[in-house]
Amino acid sequence: MGNLQAELGFAGFALQAGARSALASLWRVSAEATTGLMTTFYQQLDQQTTKTEALRQAN
């Protein structure tokens, strides 16, 4: 409360540090679900031309 930057979380810190993109959730997610999603995301990213499409396919 009272700190607008706190809402950015880890993704916000990544962007402030110079990352070109970051992915974050507005809800709590389990580590197992995140591991599965990100594993599939990176597999799809190797095959897709955009991050958006890779995420869509991973979901």
C-alpha atoms as a PDB file:
ATOM      1  CA  MET A   1       0.000   0.000   0.000  1.00  0.00           C
ATOM      2  CA  GLY A   2       1.247   3.443  -0.804  1.00  0.00           C
ATOM      3  CA  ASN A   3       3.961   2.204  -3.174  1.00  0.00           C
ATOM      4  CA  LEU A   4       2.927   2.005  -6.819  1.00  0.00           C
ATOM      5  CA  GLN A   5       6.190   0.274  -7.746  1.00  0.00           C
ATOM      6  CA  ALA A   6       5.409  -2.659  -5.422  1.00  0.00           C
ATOM      7  CA  GLU A   7       2.634  -3.734  -7.781  1.00  0.00           C
ATOM      8  CA  LEU A   8       5.152  -4.436 -10.505  1.00  0.00           C
ATOM      9  CA  GLY A   9       6.616  -7.431  -8.665  1.00  0.00           C
ATOM     10  CA  PHE A  10       9.369  -9.534 -10.169  1.00  0.00           C
ATOM     11  CA  ALA A  11       8.368  -8.768 -13.767  1.00  0.00           C
ATOM     12  CA  GLY A  12       8.591  -5.058 -13.036  1.00  0.00           C
ATOM     13  CA  PHE A  13      12.059  -5.478 -11.575  1.00  0.00           C
ATOM     14  CA  ALA A  14      13.133  -7.418 -14.663  1.00  0.00           C
ATOM     15  CA  LEU A  15      11.902  -4.643 -16.942  1.00  0.00           C
ATOM     16  CA  GLN A  16      13.540  -1.956 -14.816  1.00  0.00           C
ATOM     17  CA  ALA A  17      16.794  -3.932 -15.026  1.00  0.00           C
ATOM     18  CA  GLY A  18      16.648  -3.803 -18.822  1.00  0.00           C
ATOM     19  CA  ALA A  19      14.929  -7.036 -19.826  1.00  0.00           C
ATOM     20  CA  ARG A  20      13.271  -6.658 -23.209  1.00  0.00           C
ATOM     21  CA  SER A  21      10.170  -8.499 -22.037  1.00  0.00           C
ATOM     22  CA  ALA A  22       8.725 -10.184 -18.965  1.00  0.00           C
ATOM     23  CA  LEU A  23       5.832 -12.508 -18.250  1.00  0.00           C
ATOM     24  CA  ALA A  24       3.844 -12.254 -15.027  1.00  0.00           C
ATOM     25  CA  SER A  25       0.592 -13.457 -13.554  1.00  0.00           C
ATOM     26  CA  LEU A  26      -1.956 -11.439 -11.636  1.00  0.00           C
ATOM     27  CA  TRP A  27      -2.893 -14.547  -9.647  1.00  0.00           C
ATOM     28  CA  ARG A  28      -1.002 -17.038  -7.513  1.00  0.00           C
ATOM     29  CA  VAL A  29       0.130 -20.055  -9.493  1.00  0.00           C
ATOM     30  CA  SER A  30       1.836 -23.205  -8.310  1.00  0.00           C
ATOM     31  CA  ALA A  31       5.492 -23.801  -9.051  1.00  0.00           C
ATOM     32  CA  GLU A  32       4.564 -27.049 -10.820  1.00  0.00           C
ATOM     33  CA  ALA A  33       2.082 -25.312 -13.118  1.00  0.00           C
ATOM     34  CA  THR A  34       4.591 -22.569 -13.879  1.00  0.00           C
ATOM     35  CA  THR A  35       7.306 -25.113 -14.660  1.00  0.00           C
ATOM     36  CA  GLY A  36       5.035 -26.918 -17.105  1.00  0.00           C
ATOM     37  CA  LEU A  37       3.879 -23.722 -18.792  1.00  0.00           C
ATOM     38  CA  MET A  38       7.365 -22.278 -19.163  1.00  0.00           C
ATOM     39  CA  THR A  39       8.843 -25.540 -20.411  1.00  0.00           C
ATOM     40  CA  THR A  40       6.183 -25.756 -23.106  1.00  0.00           C
ATOM     41  CA  PHE A  41       6.485 -22.019 -23.817  1.00  0.00           C
ATOM     42  CA  TYR A  42      10.217 -22.304 -24.572  1.00  0.00           C
ATOM     43  CA  GLN A  43       9.657 -25.417 -26.695  1.00  0.00           C
ATOM     44  CA  GLN A  44       7.033 -23.524 -28.675  1.00  0.00           C
ATOM     45  CA  LEU A  45       9.232 -20.437 -28.871  1.00  0.00           C
ATOM     46  CA  ASP A  46      11.817 -22.509 -30.728  1.00  0.00           C
ATOM     47  CA  GLN A  47       9.129 -23.298 -33.317  1.00  0.00           C
ATOM     48  CA  GLN A  48       7.110 -20.061 -33.419  1.00  0.00           C
ATOM     49  CA  THR A  49       8.055 -16.628 -34.669  1.00  0.00           C
ATOM     50  CA  THR A  50       6.475 -14.644 -31.829  1.00  0.00           C
ATOM     51  CA  LYS A  51       6.373 -14.888 -28.057  1.00  0.00           C
ATOM     52  CA  THR A  52       2.624 -14.287 -28.192  1.00  0.00           C
ATOM     53  CA  GLU A  53       1.994 -17.320 -30.361  1.00  0.00           C
ATOM     54  CA  ALA A  54       4.376 -19.477 -28.316  1.00  0.00           C
ATOM     55  CA  LEU A  55       2.487 -18.553 -25.137  1.00  0.00           C
ATOM     56  CA  ARG A  56      -0.847 -19.160 -26.816  1.00  0.00           C
ATOM     57  CA  GLN A  57       0.273 -22.622 -27.881  1.00  0.00           C
ATOM     58  CA  ALA A  58       1.727 -23.391 -24.437  1.00  0.00           C
ATOM     59  CA  ASN A  59      -1.498 -22.555 -22.694  1.00  0.00           C
END
